Amino acid sequence: MGEKKLAEKCAGKGFSDLIARLTALADSSDRISVHEIREEIGERSFGPFLIIPAIIEISPIGGIPGVPTAIAIIISLFAVQILVGRKHLWLPQILERQTLDGQKLKNGLGKLSTISRHCEKILRPHMNWATRPPYLQLLAAVVILLCVSVPPLEFIPFASTAPMLAVMMVGIALLMRDGLAAVIASVMAAASGYLVWSMLAA
């Protein structure tokens, strides 16, 4: 199999494989640590480090006061490391020791199983340049700006879902190596920014 076809095959099954692996992890215990999630993700791509925290925030766990801001901080730490060109992403131990409810995490992941399958049918590795430096750094900067918008949105129930959906789309674009998805993610980020501004200005 040629290198290009192998890359397409690996990227094509990446999202649903990621969801399946994390669902199995969430099903293994009542409490799942951030360290366990990071270990399960591995070092395969930057994408999962954006997708998984965003999924957690969008899930019922995101309705707990303080959780959206904490997750935005975690995502920002990853995004800053992508911005400066780190190859392996790192989290401080105080964050890695934090735990999540396994059942709530599983429920949140379950809702994404169908979405992941649809993504894999539509998204393919093309326009790779849009997911590589210097565009990769631009996407990281967009993610940081989205995360900055999260803390003030905590005053509005589940309002932080909008920027987190855009973050998740950036992660999917990186995981699937799809530059078109990266462009869509940028449009979503702009729409999310306008929505946040409208909500805060109201």
N, C-alpha and C. Protein backbone atom coordinates (compact mmCIF):
# COMPACT_ATOMS: atom_id res chain seq x y z
N MET A 1 0.84 -1.20 0.00
CA MET A 1 0.00 0.00 0.00
C MET A 1 0.88 1.25 0.00
N GLY A 2 0.55 2.22 -0.91
CA GLY A 2 1.34 3.44 -0.99
C GLY A 2 1.24 4.25 0.28
N GLU A 3 2.23 5.15 0.45
CA GLU A 3 2.28 5.97 1.66
C GLU A 3 1.03 6.83 1.79
N LYS A 4 0.56 7.41 0.67
CA LYS A 4 -0.61 8.29 0.72
C LYS A 4 -1.86 7.51 1.11
N LYS A 5 -2.03 6.32 0.50
CA LYS A 5 -3.22 5.51 0.82
C LYS A 5 -3.19 5.03 2.27
N LEU A 6 -1.98 4.71 2.77
CA LEU A 6 -1.86 4.28 4.16
C LEU A 6 -2.23 5.42 5.10
N ALA A 7 -1.78 6.62 4.79
CA ALA A 7 -2.12 7.79 5.61
C ALA A 7 -3.62 8.02 5.62
N GLU A 8 -4.27 7.86 4.43
CA GLU A 8 -5.71 8.07 4.35
C GLU A 8 -6.46 7.02 5.17
N LYS A 9 -5.96 5.77 5.11
CA LYS A 9 -6.61 4.70 5.86
C LYS A 9 -6.50 4.96 7.36
N CYS A 10 -5.32 5.35 7.83
CA CYS A 10 -5.12 5.59 9.25
C CYS A 10 -5.93 6.78 9.74
N ALA A 11 -5.94 7.86 8.95
CA ALA A 11 -6.71 9.04 9.34
C ALA A 11 -8.19 8.77 9.26
N GLY A 12 -8.60 7.97 8.26
CA GLY A 12 -10.01 7.70 8.07
C GLY A 12 -10.66 7.00 9.24
N LYS A 13 -9.92 6.16 9.93
CA LYS A 13 -10.53 5.43 11.05
C LYS A 13 -10.13 6.05 12.40
N GLY A 14 -9.42 7.18 12.33
CA GLY A 14 -8.87 7.75 13.56
C GLY A 14 -9.90 8.22 14.56
N PHE A 15 -10.98 8.87 14.10
CA PHE A 15 -11.94 9.46 15.01
C PHE A 15 -12.74 8.40 15.74
N SER A 16 -13.33 7.46 15.00
CA SER A 16 -14.15 6.42 15.64
C SER A 16 -13.30 5.52 16.52
N ASP A 17 -12.05 5.27 16.10
CA ASP A 17 -11.14 4.47 16.92
C ASP A 17 -10.85 5.18 18.24
N LEU A 18 -10.64 6.48 18.17
CA LEU A 18 -10.39 7.28 19.37
C LEU A 18 -11.59 7.22 20.32
N ILE A 19 -12.80 7.39 19.76
CA ILE A 19 -14.02 7.35 20.58
C ILE A 19 -14.18 5.98 21.23
N ALA A 20 -13.93 4.91 20.47
CA ALA A 20 -14.08 3.55 20.98
C ALA A 20 -13.09 3.28 22.12
N ARG A 21 -11.85 3.71 21.95
CA ARG A 21 -10.82 3.47 22.97
C ARG A 21 -11.15 4.21 24.26
N LEU A 22 -11.61 5.45 24.13
CA LEU A 22 -11.93 6.24 25.32
C LEU A 22 -13.21 5.76 25.98
N THR A 23 -14.17 5.26 25.19
CA THR A 23 -15.39 4.70 25.76
C THR A 23 -15.06 3.47 26.61
N ALA A 24 -14.16 2.64 26.10
CA ALA A 24 -13.73 1.46 26.87
C ALA A 24 -13.04 1.88 28.16
N LEU A 25 -12.25 2.94 28.09
CA LEU A 25 -11.58 3.45 29.29
C LEU A 25 -12.61 3.98 30.29
N ALA A 26 -13.60 4.75 29.81
CA ALA A 26 -14.63 5.31 30.69
C ALA A 26 -15.47 4.20 31.32
N ASP A 27 -15.61 3.08 30.61
CA ASP A 27 -16.41 1.96 31.11
C ASP A 27 -15.66 1.11 32.12
N SER A 28 -14.35 1.35 32.24
CA SER A 28 -13.52 0.49 33.09
C SER A 28 -13.51 0.91 34.56
N SER A 29 -13.97 2.13 34.86
CA SER A 29 -13.90 2.61 36.24
C SER A 29 -14.92 3.73 36.47
N ASP A 30 -15.29 3.91 37.73
CA ASP A 30 -16.22 4.99 38.07
C ASP A 30 -15.57 6.36 37.92
N ARG A 31 -14.27 6.44 38.18
CA ARG A 31 -13.54 7.70 38.08
C ARG A 31 -12.35 7.51 37.14
N ILE A 32 -12.22 8.41 36.18
CA ILE A 32 -11.14 8.33 35.20
C ILE A 32 -10.27 9.58 35.35
N SER A 33 -8.97 9.38 35.50
CA SER A 33 -8.09 10.53 35.68
C SER A 33 -7.71 11.14 34.33
N VAL A 34 -7.35 12.41 34.37
CA VAL A 34 -6.89 13.10 33.17
C VAL A 34 -5.63 12.42 32.63
N HIS A 35 -4.78 11.92 33.55
CA HIS A 35 -3.57 11.20 33.13
C HIS A 35 -3.93 9.95 32.32
N GLU A 36 -4.93 9.20 32.78
CA GLU A 36 -5.34 7.99 32.05
C GLU A 36 -5.84 8.34 30.66
N ILE A 37 -6.59 9.44 30.55
CA ILE A 37 -7.09 9.87 29.25
C ILE A 37 -5.94 10.24 28.33
N ARG A 38 -4.97 10.98 28.87
CA ARG A 38 -3.83 11.40 28.06
C ARG A 38 -3.01 10.19 27.61
N GLU A 39 -2.85 9.22 28.50
CA GLU A 39 -2.10 8.01 28.15
C GLU A 39 -2.82 7.23 27.05
N GLU A 40 -4.15 7.19 27.11
CA GLU A 40 -4.93 6.47 26.11
C GLU A 40 -4.84 7.17 24.75
N ILE A 41 -4.83 8.50 24.78
CA ILE A 41 -4.71 9.25 23.53
C ILE A 41 -3.36 8.98 22.87
N GLY A 42 -2.31 8.93 23.68
CA GLY A 42 -0.97 8.69 23.15
C GLY A 42 -0.41 9.92 22.48
N GLU A 43 0.52 9.72 21.56
CA GLU A 43 1.20 10.83 20.90
C GLU A 43 0.94 10.80 19.39
N ARG A 44 -0.22 10.25 18.99
CA ARG A 44 -0.45 10.04 17.57
C ARG A 44 -0.70 11.33 16.79
N SER A 45 -1.29 12.32 17.44
CA SER A 45 -1.68 13.53 16.74
C SER A 45 -2.00 14.61 17.75
N PHE A 46 -1.92 15.87 17.32
CA PHE A 46 -2.36 16.96 18.18
C PHE A 46 -3.88 16.96 18.32
N GLY A 47 -4.57 16.48 17.28
CA GLY A 47 -6.03 16.57 17.25
C GLY A 47 -6.75 16.06 18.49
N PRO A 48 -6.45 14.83 18.95
CA PRO A 48 -7.17 14.30 20.12
C PRO A 48 -7.01 15.14 21.37
N PHE A 49 -5.88 15.86 21.49
CA PHE A 49 -5.66 16.69 22.68
C PHE A 49 -6.59 17.91 22.70
N LEU A 50 -7.18 18.21 21.54
CA LEU A 50 -8.19 19.26 21.47
C LEU A 50 -9.60 18.67 21.50
N ILE A 51 -9.77 17.54 20.83
CA ILE A 51 -11.10 16.93 20.71
C ILE A 51 -11.63 16.46 22.06
N ILE A 52 -10.82 15.69 22.80
CA ILE A 52 -11.32 15.05 24.02
C ILE A 52 -11.71 16.05 25.10
N PRO A 53 -10.88 17.06 25.43
CA PRO A 53 -11.34 18.04 26.43
C PRO A 53 -12.61 18.76 25.98
N ALA A 54 -12.70 19.06 24.66
CA ALA A 54 -13.90 19.73 24.15
C ALA A 54 -15.13 18.84 24.30
N ILE A 55 -14.97 17.53 24.04
CA ILE A 55 -16.07 16.58 24.22
C ILE A 55 -16.53 16.57 25.67
N ILE A 56 -15.57 16.55 26.58
CA ILE A 56 -15.90 16.52 28.01
C ILE A 56 -16.68 17.77 28.40
N GLU A 57 -16.27 18.92 27.85
CA GLU A 57 -16.96 20.18 28.19
C GLU A 57 -18.37 20.21 27.61
N ILE A 58 -18.55 19.64 26.42
CA ILE A 58 -19.86 19.64 25.77
C ILE A 58 -20.81 18.64 26.45
N SER A 59 -20.24 17.62 27.08
CA SER A 59 -21.04 16.60 27.77
C SER A 59 -21.69 17.18 29.02
N PRO A 60 -22.54 16.40 29.71
CA PRO A 60 -23.17 16.89 30.96
C PRO A 60 -22.16 17.36 32.01
N ILE A 61 -20.93 16.86 31.94
CA ILE A 61 -19.90 17.29 32.88
C ILE A 61 -19.68 18.80 32.76
N GLY A 62 -19.85 19.33 31.56
CA GLY A 62 -19.63 20.75 31.31
C GLY A 62 -20.62 21.66 32.02
N GLY A 63 -21.70 21.06 32.55
CA GLY A 63 -22.68 21.86 33.27
C GLY A 63 -22.30 22.13 34.71
N ILE A 64 -21.24 21.50 35.19
CA ILE A 64 -20.78 21.71 36.57
C ILE A 64 -20.01 23.02 36.64
N PRO A 65 -20.39 23.93 37.56
CA PRO A 65 -19.71 25.22 37.66
C PRO A 65 -18.20 25.06 37.82
N GLY A 66 -17.45 25.81 37.06
CA GLY A 66 -16.00 25.77 37.12
C GLY A 66 -15.36 24.82 36.14
N VAL A 67 -16.10 23.79 35.72
CA VAL A 67 -15.53 22.80 34.80
C VAL A 67 -15.21 23.39 33.43
N PRO A 68 -16.12 24.18 32.81
CA PRO A 68 -15.78 24.75 31.50
C PRO A 68 -14.48 25.56 31.53
N THR A 69 -14.31 26.39 32.57
CA THR A 69 -13.09 27.20 32.66
C THR A 69 -11.86 26.31 32.85
N ALA A 70 -11.97 25.28 33.68
CA ALA A 70 -10.84 24.36 33.90
C ALA A 70 -10.45 23.67 32.60
N ILE A 71 -11.45 23.23 31.84
CA ILE A 71 -11.18 22.55 30.58
C ILE A 71 -10.58 23.53 29.57
N ALA A 72 -11.08 24.77 29.58
CA ALA A 72 -10.52 25.79 28.67
C ALA A 72 -9.05 26.03 28.99
N ILE A 73 -8.69 25.99 30.27
CA ILE A 73 -7.28 26.17 30.66
C ILE A 73 -6.43 25.01 30.14
N ILE A 74 -6.96 23.78 30.27
CA ILE A 74 -6.24 22.60 29.78
C ILE A 74 -6.02 22.70 28.27
N ILE A 75 -7.09 23.03 27.54
CA ILE A 75 -6.98 23.16 26.09
C ILE A 75 -5.99 24.26 25.72
N SER A 76 -6.04 25.36 26.46
CA SER A 76 -5.11 26.47 26.19
C SER A 76 -3.67 26.04 26.38
N LEU A 77 -3.42 25.22 27.42
CA LEU A 77 -2.06 24.73 27.65
C LEU A 77 -1.58 23.90 26.47
N PHE A 78 -2.45 23.06 25.94
CA PHE A 78 -2.10 22.28 24.76
C PHE A 78 -1.87 23.19 23.55
N ALA A 79 -2.80 24.15 23.36
CA ALA A 79 -2.72 25.03 22.19
C ALA A 79 -1.46 25.88 22.21
N VAL A 80 -1.07 26.36 23.38
CA VAL A 80 0.16 27.16 23.49
C VAL A 80 1.37 26.31 23.10
N GLN A 81 1.37 25.04 23.51
CA GLN A 81 2.49 24.16 23.16
C GLN A 81 2.53 23.88 21.66
N ILE A 82 1.35 23.77 21.04
CA ILE A 82 1.30 23.62 19.58
C ILE A 82 1.82 24.89 18.92
N LEU A 83 1.44 26.04 19.49
CA LEU A 83 1.83 27.34 18.94
C LEU A 83 3.35 27.51 18.91
N VAL A 84 4.01 27.03 19.97
CA VAL A 84 5.47 27.20 20.05
C VAL A 84 6.24 26.04 19.42
N GLY A 85 5.50 25.07 18.86
CA GLY A 85 6.14 24.01 18.09
C GLY A 85 6.59 22.78 18.86
N ARG A 86 6.06 22.55 20.06
CA ARG A 86 6.42 21.34 20.80
C ARG A 86 5.91 20.10 20.07
N LYS A 87 6.68 19.03 20.10
CA LYS A 87 6.29 17.79 19.43
C LYS A 87 5.49 16.87 20.36
N HIS A 88 5.76 16.95 21.67
CA HIS A 88 5.06 16.13 22.65
C HIS A 88 4.40 17.05 23.67
N LEU A 89 3.09 16.88 23.83
CA LEU A 89 2.34 17.78 24.69
C LEU A 89 2.38 17.33 26.15
N TRP A 90 2.35 18.31 27.04
CA TRP A 90 2.57 18.07 28.48
C TRP A 90 1.49 18.76 29.29
N LEU A 91 1.16 18.16 30.44
CA LEU A 91 0.26 18.78 31.42
C LEU A 91 0.91 18.70 32.80
N PRO A 92 0.70 19.73 33.64
CA PRO A 92 1.23 19.66 35.01
C PRO A 92 0.53 18.56 35.81
N GLN A 93 1.23 18.00 36.78
CA GLN A 93 0.71 16.88 37.57
C GLN A 93 -0.60 17.22 38.28
N ILE A 94 -0.75 18.46 38.71
CA ILE A 94 -1.97 18.84 39.44
C ILE A 94 -3.20 18.66 38.56
N LEU A 95 -3.04 18.85 37.24
CA LEU A 95 -4.15 18.64 36.31
C LEU A 95 -4.29 17.17 35.95
N GLU A 96 -3.17 16.48 35.79
CA GLU A 96 -3.23 15.07 35.42
C GLU A 96 -3.89 14.23 36.51
N ARG A 97 -3.83 14.68 37.76
CA ARG A 97 -4.43 13.92 38.86
C ARG A 97 -5.94 14.12 38.98
N GLN A 98 -6.48 15.11 38.28
CA GLN A 98 -7.92 15.36 38.35
C GLN A 98 -8.68 14.19 37.74
N THR A 99 -9.87 13.90 38.29
CA THR A 99 -10.66 12.77 37.81
C THR A 99 -12.02 13.22 37.30
N LEU A 100 -12.60 12.38 36.45
CA LEU A 100 -13.92 12.64 35.87
C LEU A 100 -14.82 11.45 36.13
N ASP A 101 -16.13 11.70 36.18
CA ASP A 101 -17.11 10.63 36.33
C ASP A 101 -17.11 9.77 35.07
N GLY A 102 -16.81 8.48 35.23
CA GLY A 102 -16.69 7.58 34.09
C GLY A 102 -17.98 7.45 33.29
N GLN A 103 -19.12 7.38 33.98
CA GLN A 103 -20.40 7.20 33.30
C GLN A 103 -20.78 8.43 32.49
N LYS A 104 -20.56 9.62 33.07
CA LYS A 104 -20.87 10.85 32.34
C LYS A 104 -19.98 11.00 31.12
N LEU A 105 -18.72 10.62 31.27
CA LEU A 105 -17.80 10.68 30.14
C LEU A 105 -18.25 9.71 29.05
N LYS A 106 -18.65 8.52 29.46
CA LYS A 106 -19.13 7.52 28.50
C LYS A 106 -20.36 8.02 27.76
N ASN A 107 -21.28 8.67 28.50
CA ASN A 107 -22.49 9.19 27.87
C ASN A 107 -22.15 10.26 26.82
N GLY A 108 -21.21 11.14 27.19
CA GLY A 108 -20.80 12.18 26.25
C GLY A 108 -20.14 11.60 25.01
N LEU A 109 -19.31 10.58 25.19
CA LEU A 109 -18.65 9.94 24.06
C LEU A 109 -19.65 9.20 23.18
N GLY A 110 -20.68 8.61 23.82
CA GLY A 110 -21.68 7.86 23.08
C GLY A 110 -22.41 8.72 22.06
N LYS A 111 -22.65 9.97 22.43
CA LYS A 111 -23.35 10.88 21.52
C LYS A 111 -22.51 11.21 20.29
N LEU A 112 -21.21 10.99 20.39
CA LEU A 112 -20.32 11.35 19.28
C LEU A 112 -19.99 10.17 18.36
N SER A 113 -20.46 8.98 18.72
CA SER A 113 -20.14 7.81 17.90
C SER A 113 -20.67 7.96 16.48
N THR A 114 -21.94 8.39 16.35
CA THR A 114 -22.53 8.58 15.03
C THR A 114 -21.84 9.71 14.29
N ILE A 115 -21.54 10.79 15.00
CA ILE A 115 -20.86 11.92 14.38
C ILE A 115 -19.50 11.49 13.83
N SER A 116 -18.78 10.67 14.61
CA SER A 116 -17.45 10.24 14.16
C SER A 116 -17.54 9.43 12.88
N ARG A 117 -18.56 8.58 12.78
CA ARG A 117 -18.71 7.77 11.56
C ARG A 117 -19.02 8.64 10.36
N HIS A 118 -19.88 9.64 10.56
CA HIS A 118 -20.20 10.55 9.46
C HIS A 118 -18.97 11.35 9.04
N CYS A 119 -18.19 11.78 10.02
CA CYS A 119 -16.96 12.54 9.72
C CYS A 119 -16.02 11.72 8.86
N GLU A 120 -15.90 10.45 9.19
CA GLU A 120 -14.97 9.58 8.47
C GLU A 120 -15.42 9.32 7.03
N LYS A 121 -16.74 9.43 6.79
CA LYS A 121 -17.25 9.27 5.43
C LYS A 121 -17.00 10.51 4.59
N ILE A 122 -16.99 11.67 5.25
CA ILE A 122 -16.88 12.94 4.54
C ILE A 122 -15.45 13.45 4.46
N LEU A 123 -14.73 13.38 5.59
CA LEU A 123 -13.41 13.99 5.68
C LEU A 123 -12.32 13.03 5.23
N ARG A 124 -11.38 13.54 4.49
CA ARG A 124 -10.24 12.76 4.00
C ARG A 124 -8.98 13.64 4.04
N PRO A 125 -7.80 13.02 4.11
CA PRO A 125 -6.57 13.83 4.09
C PRO A 125 -6.39 14.54 2.75
N HIS A 126 -6.70 15.82 2.71
CA HIS A 126 -6.38 16.64 1.55
C HIS A 126 -6.20 18.08 2.03
N MET A 127 -5.60 18.90 1.18
CA MET A 127 -5.21 20.25 1.58
C MET A 127 -4.39 20.17 2.87
N ASN A 128 -3.46 19.22 2.92
CA ASN A 128 -2.67 18.99 4.14
C ASN A 128 -1.94 20.23 4.61
N TRP A 129 -1.60 21.11 3.68
CA TRP A 129 -0.86 22.33 4.03
C TRP A 129 -1.61 23.16 5.07
N ALA A 130 -2.95 23.05 5.10
CA ALA A 130 -3.74 23.86 6.03
C ALA A 130 -3.72 23.30 7.45
N THR A 131 -3.11 22.12 7.63
CA THR A 131 -3.00 21.54 8.97
C THR A 131 -1.55 21.42 9.41
N ARG A 132 -0.66 22.07 8.68
CA ARG A 132 0.76 22.04 9.00
C ARG A 132 1.27 23.46 9.25
N PRO A 133 2.46 23.59 9.88
CA PRO A 133 3.02 24.92 10.08
C PRO A 133 3.17 25.64 8.72
N PRO A 134 2.94 26.96 8.67
CA PRO A 134 2.59 27.84 9.79
C PRO A 134 1.10 27.90 10.10
N TYR A 135 0.29 27.22 9.26
CA TYR A 135 -1.16 27.27 9.47
C TYR A 135 -1.56 26.56 10.75
N LEU A 136 -0.79 25.55 11.15
CA LEU A 136 -1.05 24.86 12.40
C LEU A 136 -0.98 25.84 13.57
N GLN A 137 0.01 26.72 13.54
CA GLN A 137 0.15 27.73 14.60
C GLN A 137 -1.02 28.71 14.58
N LEU A 138 -1.50 29.03 13.39
CA LEU A 138 -2.66 29.92 13.29
C LEU A 138 -3.90 29.27 13.92
N LEU A 139 -4.09 27.98 13.66
CA LEU A 139 -5.21 27.26 14.26
C LEU A 139 -5.08 27.21 15.78
N ALA A 140 -3.84 27.03 16.26
CA ALA A 140 -3.61 27.02 17.71
C ALA A 140 -3.98 28.36 18.32
N ALA A 141 -3.65 29.45 17.63
CA ALA A 141 -3.99 30.79 18.13
C ALA A 141 -5.50 30.98 18.18
N VAL A 142 -6.20 30.46 17.17
CA VAL A 142 -7.66 30.53 17.15
C VAL A 142 -8.24 29.78 18.35
N VAL A 143 -7.69 28.61 18.64
CA VAL A 143 -8.16 27.82 19.78
C VAL A 143 -7.96 28.58 21.09
N ILE A 144 -6.82 29.23 21.23
CA ILE A 144 -6.55 30.00 22.45
C ILE A 144 -7.59 31.12 22.62
N LEU A 145 -7.90 31.82 21.54
CA LEU A 145 -8.91 32.89 21.59
C LEU A 145 -10.28 32.33 21.96
N LEU A 146 -10.61 31.17 21.44
CA LEU A 146 -11.89 30.53 21.78
C LEU A 146 -11.93 30.19 23.27
N CYS A 147 -10.82 29.71 23.80
CA CYS A 147 -10.77 29.34 25.21
C CYS A 147 -10.88 30.57 26.12
N VAL A 148 -10.32 31.68 25.67
CA VAL A 148 -10.41 32.92 26.45
C VAL A 148 -11.87 33.35 26.61
N SER A 149 -12.72 33.01 25.64
CA SER A 149 -14.13 33.41 25.70
C SER A 149 -14.95 32.56 26.67
N VAL A 150 -14.39 31.44 27.13
CA VAL A 150 -15.17 30.51 27.95
C VAL A 150 -15.50 31.02 29.36
N PRO A 151 -14.53 31.53 30.14
CA PRO A 151 -14.85 31.93 31.53
C PRO A 151 -16.04 32.87 31.67
N PRO A 152 -16.16 33.95 30.87
CA PRO A 152 -17.34 34.80 31.04
C PRO A 152 -18.64 34.13 30.65
N LEU A 153 -18.56 33.09 29.82
CA LEU A 153 -19.78 32.39 29.40
C LEU A 153 -20.30 31.44 30.48
N GLU A 154 -19.52 31.22 31.54
CA GLU A 154 -19.97 30.34 32.62
C GLU A 154 -21.23 30.88 33.30
N PHE A 155 -21.47 32.19 33.17
CA PHE A 155 -22.64 32.78 33.78
C PHE A 155 -23.92 32.45 33.01
N ILE A 156 -23.76 31.90 31.79
CA ILE A 156 -24.90 31.51 30.95
C ILE A 156 -24.83 30.00 30.77
N PRO A 157 -25.82 29.24 31.29
CA PRO A 157 -25.75 27.77 31.24
C PRO A 157 -25.48 27.23 29.84
N PHE A 158 -24.44 26.41 29.74
CA PHE A 158 -24.05 25.70 28.52
C PHE A 158 -23.71 26.62 27.34
N ALA A 159 -23.55 27.92 27.60
CA ALA A 159 -23.20 28.84 26.51
C ALA A 159 -21.82 28.56 25.94
N SER A 160 -20.94 27.97 26.76
CA SER A 160 -19.58 27.69 26.30
C SER A 160 -19.53 26.54 25.29
N THR A 161 -20.68 25.91 25.03
CA THR A 161 -20.73 24.85 24.03
C THR A 161 -20.30 25.36 22.65
N ALA A 162 -20.68 26.60 22.32
CA ALA A 162 -20.38 27.16 20.99
C ALA A 162 -18.87 27.20 20.72
N PRO A 163 -18.07 27.84 21.57
CA PRO A 163 -16.63 27.84 21.28
C PRO A 163 -16.01 26.45 21.35
N MET A 164 -16.55 25.58 22.22
CA MET A 164 -15.98 24.24 22.33
C MET A 164 -16.27 23.39 21.10
N LEU A 165 -17.40 23.63 20.44
CA LEU A 165 -17.68 22.93 19.18
C LEU A 165 -16.67 23.33 18.12
N ALA A 166 -16.31 24.62 18.11
CA ALA A 166 -15.29 25.08 17.15
C ALA A 166 -13.93 24.47 17.47
N VAL A 167 -13.59 24.39 18.77
CA VAL A 167 -12.33 23.75 19.18
C VAL A 167 -12.31 22.29 18.74
N MET A 168 -13.44 21.60 18.96
CA MET A 168 -13.52 20.19 18.58
C MET A 168 -13.31 20.03 17.07
N MET A 169 -13.87 20.95 16.28
CA MET A 169 -13.72 20.87 14.83
C MET A 169 -12.27 21.08 14.41
N VAL A 170 -11.57 21.98 15.10
CA VAL A 170 -10.14 22.15 14.82
C VAL A 170 -9.40 20.84 15.09
N GLY A 171 -9.73 20.20 16.22
CA GLY A 171 -9.10 18.93 16.57
C GLY A 171 -9.39 17.85 15.54
N ILE A 172 -10.64 17.80 15.06
CA ILE A 172 -11.00 16.81 14.03
C ILE A 172 -10.21 17.06 12.75
N ALA A 173 -10.07 18.32 12.38
CA ALA A 173 -9.30 18.67 11.18
C ALA A 173 -7.86 18.17 11.29
N LEU A 174 -7.27 18.34 12.47
CA LEU A 174 -5.88 17.90 12.66
C LEU A 174 -5.78 16.38 12.69
N LEU A 175 -6.77 15.73 13.35
CA LEU A 175 -6.75 14.27 13.44
C LEU A 175 -6.93 13.63 12.06
N MET A 176 -7.86 14.18 11.26
CA MET A 176 -8.16 13.61 9.95
C MET A 176 -7.24 14.16 8.86
N ARG A 177 -6.36 15.11 9.23
CA ARG A 177 -5.44 15.76 8.29
C ARG A 177 -6.20 16.38 7.11
N ASP A 178 -7.33 17.00 7.42
CA ASP A 178 -8.20 17.57 6.39
C ASP A 178 -8.18 19.09 6.47
N GLY A 179 -7.51 19.71 5.49
CA GLY A 179 -7.41 21.17 5.47
C GLY A 179 -8.75 21.85 5.27
N LEU A 180 -9.64 21.20 4.52
CA LEU A 180 -10.97 21.78 4.32
C LEU A 180 -11.71 21.87 5.64
N ALA A 181 -11.57 20.83 6.46
CA ALA A 181 -12.19 20.85 7.79
C ALA A 181 -11.58 21.97 8.64
N ALA A 182 -10.29 22.25 8.43
CA ALA A 182 -9.64 23.33 9.16
C ALA A 182 -10.24 24.68 8.77
N VAL A 183 -10.56 24.83 7.48
CA VAL A 183 -11.21 26.06 7.02
C VAL A 183 -12.59 26.18 7.63
N ILE A 184 -13.34 25.06 7.64
CA ILE A 184 -14.68 25.06 8.24
C ILE A 184 -14.58 25.40 9.73
N ALA A 185 -13.57 24.84 10.39
CA ALA A 185 -13.37 25.13 11.82
C ALA A 185 -13.12 26.62 12.04
N SER A 186 -12.37 27.25 11.13
CA SER A 186 -12.09 28.68 11.25
C SER A 186 -13.37 29.49 11.10
N VAL A 187 -14.23 29.06 10.17
CA VAL A 187 -15.53 29.74 9.99
C VAL A 187 -16.39 29.56 11.25
N MET A 188 -16.38 28.34 11.80
CA MET A 188 -17.12 28.08 13.04
C MET A 188 -16.59 28.94 14.18
N ALA A 189 -15.27 29.11 14.22
CA ALA A 189 -14.67 29.93 15.27
C ALA A 189 -15.12 31.38 15.15
N ALA A 190 -15.17 31.88 13.90
CA ALA A 190 -15.63 33.26 13.69
C ALA A 190 -17.09 33.41 14.10
N ALA A 191 -17.92 32.42 13.73
CA ALA A 191 -19.34 32.46 14.10
C ALA A 191 -19.50 32.37 15.61
N SER A 192 -18.68 31.52 16.23
CA SER A 192 -18.72 31.38 17.69
C SER A 192 -18.32 32.69 18.37
N GLY A 193 -17.30 33.34 17.82
CA GLY A 193 -16.86 34.62 18.38
C GLY A 193 -17.95 35.67 18.32
N TYR A 194 -18.66 35.70 17.19
CA TYR A 194 -19.77 36.66 17.05
C TYR A 194 -20.89 36.32 18.03
N LEU A 195 -21.18 35.02 18.19
CA LEU A 195 -22.23 34.60 19.12
C LEU A 195 -21.88 34.97 20.55
N VAL A 196 -20.63 34.73 20.92
CA VAL A 196 -20.17 35.08 22.26
C VAL A 196 -20.28 36.57 22.50
N TRP A 197 -19.84 37.36 21.53
CA TRP A 197 -19.93 38.82 21.64
C TRP A 197 -21.38 39.25 21.81
N SER A 198 -22.30 38.65 21.03
CA SER A 198 -23.71 39.00 21.09
C SER A 198 -24.31 38.68 22.47
N MET A 199 -23.92 37.50 23.00
CA MET A 199 -24.47 37.06 24.28
C MET A 199 -23.97 37.95 25.42
N LEU A 200 -22.69 38.30 25.37
CA LEU A 200 -22.11 39.11 26.43
C LEU A 200 -22.55 40.57 26.35
N ALA A 201 -22.85 41.01 25.13
CA ALA A 201 -23.26 42.40 24.95
C ALA A 201 -24.74 42.62 25.25
N ALA A 202 -25.50 41.50 25.29
CA ALA A 202 -26.95 41.62 25.51
C ALA A 202 -27.25 42.10 26.93
